[in-house]
Amino acid sequence: MKSSVSIALAVAAFAGLSISAPARASADLAQKKNCMSCHTVQKKVVGPAFKDVAAKYAGQKDATERLTQKVLKGGSGAWGPVFMPAMKDANPPVSEAEARQLVQWVMQQK
């Protein structure tokens, strides 16, 4: 009986870690991929604050795909004249899977 309780607690602890890990992993990924050179979560720097991006695109069904492509290909106009370079060509480059993970994390910011 004691063993099954220990296993249940271990599974619950692991589940809690796996639920919170992606958000932290994405913040770390944003740092690693130099996103934080131009963005922060709470306020505009060169590019918009991630919380503002999340608010602007909240509820839009195609937001993740559109923003993933924006990260990969770059662009300008949505937030003013400052150009966002194509992150697929950046150093270090951002893969499509990483861009999608970053966008999903950004869309969770408040």
Protein backbone atom coordinates (compact mmCIF):
# COMPACT_ATOMS: atom_id res chain seq x y z
CA MET A 1 0.00 0.00 0.00
CA LYS A 2 2.78 2.43 0.93
CA SER A 3 4.52 1.69 -2.36
CA SER A 4 1.42 2.50 -4.45
CA VAL A 5 0.98 5.80 -2.60
CA SER A 6 4.61 6.68 -3.33
CA ILE A 7 4.13 5.85 -6.99
CA ALA A 8 0.95 7.93 -7.15
CA LEU A 9 2.74 10.90 -5.59
CA ALA A 10 5.66 10.52 -8.00
CA VAL A 11 3.30 10.40 -10.99
CA ALA A 12 1.44 13.49 -9.74
CA ALA A 13 4.70 15.37 -9.24
CA PHE A 14 5.92 14.43 -12.71
CA ALA A 15 2.59 15.46 -14.25
CA GLY A 16 2.87 18.86 -12.56
CA LEU A 17 6.36 19.33 -13.93
CA SER A 18 5.38 18.32 -17.43
CA ILE A 19 2.47 20.76 -17.40
CA SER A 20 4.59 23.74 -16.33
CA ALA A 21 7.77 22.79 -18.19
CA PRO A 22 6.72 23.93 -21.70
CA ALA A 23 6.10 27.53 -20.61
CA ARG A 24 9.52 27.75 -18.97
CA ALA A 25 11.15 25.92 -21.86
CA SER A 26 9.70 28.47 -24.27
CA ALA A 27 10.95 31.41 -22.21
CA ASP A 28 14.38 29.78 -22.24
CA LEU A 29 14.05 29.15 -25.97
CA ALA A 30 13.11 32.81 -26.54
CA GLN A 31 16.26 33.81 -24.69
CA LYS A 32 18.42 31.26 -26.55
CA LYS A 33 17.09 32.35 -29.96
CA ASN A 34 17.66 36.06 -29.16
CA CYS A 35 13.97 36.99 -29.22
CA MET A 36 14.55 38.96 -26.03
CA SER A 37 16.95 41.27 -27.87
CA CYS A 38 13.95 43.04 -29.40
CA HIS A 39 10.98 41.87 -27.28
CA THR A 40 10.00 41.51 -23.64
CA VAL A 41 6.89 39.97 -22.16
CA GLN A 42 5.49 43.16 -20.62
CA LYS A 43 6.62 46.20 -22.62
CA LYS A 44 7.59 47.29 -26.12
CA VAL A 45 11.30 47.50 -26.84
CA VAL A 46 12.15 47.36 -30.56
CA GLY A 47 9.28 45.00 -31.27
CA PRO A 48 5.96 44.67 -29.47
CA ALA A 49 5.60 43.18 -26.00
CA PHE A 50 4.60 39.54 -26.13
CA LYS A 51 1.52 40.28 -23.99
CA ASP A 52 0.41 42.80 -26.62
CA VAL A 53 0.90 40.25 -29.41
CA ALA A 54 -1.18 37.73 -27.43
CA ALA A 55 -3.94 40.30 -26.89
CA LYS A 56 -4.02 41.40 -30.55
CA TYR A 57 -4.28 37.86 -31.91
CA ALA A 58 -6.40 36.31 -29.12
CA GLY A 59 -9.27 34.25 -30.47
CA GLN A 60 -8.04 34.24 -34.06
CA LYS A 61 -8.09 30.64 -35.30
CA ASP A 62 -5.16 31.05 -37.69
CA ALA A 63 -3.00 33.15 -35.33
CA THR A 64 -0.50 30.41 -34.49
CA GLU A 65 0.17 29.56 -38.12
CA ARG A 66 0.29 33.21 -39.26
CA LEU A 67 2.63 34.22 -36.45
CA THR A 68 4.82 31.15 -36.95
CA GLN A 69 5.32 32.19 -40.57
CA LYS A 70 5.98 35.80 -39.49
CA VAL A 71 8.71 34.58 -37.13
CA LEU A 72 10.26 32.43 -39.85
CA LYS A 73 9.97 34.89 -42.77
CA GLY A 74 10.04 38.25 -41.00
CA GLY A 75 8.05 41.27 -42.07
CA SER A 76 6.80 44.70 -41.07
CA GLY A 77 3.68 46.78 -40.90
CA ALA A 78 1.61 45.01 -38.25
CA TRP A 79 3.36 46.91 -35.43
CA GLY A 80 4.77 49.90 -37.30
CA PRO A 81 7.61 50.41 -39.74
CA VAL A 82 10.35 48.49 -37.89
CA PHE A 83 11.24 45.37 -39.86
CA MET A 84 11.47 41.99 -38.13
CA PRO A 85 14.16 39.91 -39.84
CA ALA A 86 13.53 36.32 -40.92
CA MET A 87 14.41 34.22 -37.92
CA LYS A 88 14.91 31.09 -40.08
CA ASP A 89 18.05 32.85 -41.36
CA ALA A 90 19.13 34.26 -37.98
CA ASN A 91 22.13 33.22 -35.95
CA PRO A 92 21.11 30.95 -34.31
CA PRO A 93 18.38 30.01 -36.80
CA VAL A 94 14.85 29.23 -35.62
CA SER A 95 13.30 26.05 -37.01
CA GLU A 96 9.61 25.84 -37.85
CA ALA A 97 8.98 23.64 -34.78
CA GLU A 98 10.79 26.15 -32.55
CA ALA A 99 8.89 29.07 -34.09
CA ARG A 100 5.58 27.30 -33.43
CA GLN A 101 6.62 26.56 -29.82
CA LEU A 102 7.61 30.20 -29.32
CA VAL A 103 4.34 31.48 -30.80
CA GLN A 104 2.29 29.14 -28.62
CA TRP A 105 4.18 30.45 -25.59
CA VAL A 106 3.73 34.09 -26.67
CA MET A 107 -0.01 33.52 -27.08
CA GLN A 108 -0.19 32.51 -23.39
CA GLN A 109 1.29 35.79 -22.15
CA LYS A 110 -0.93 38.22 -20.24
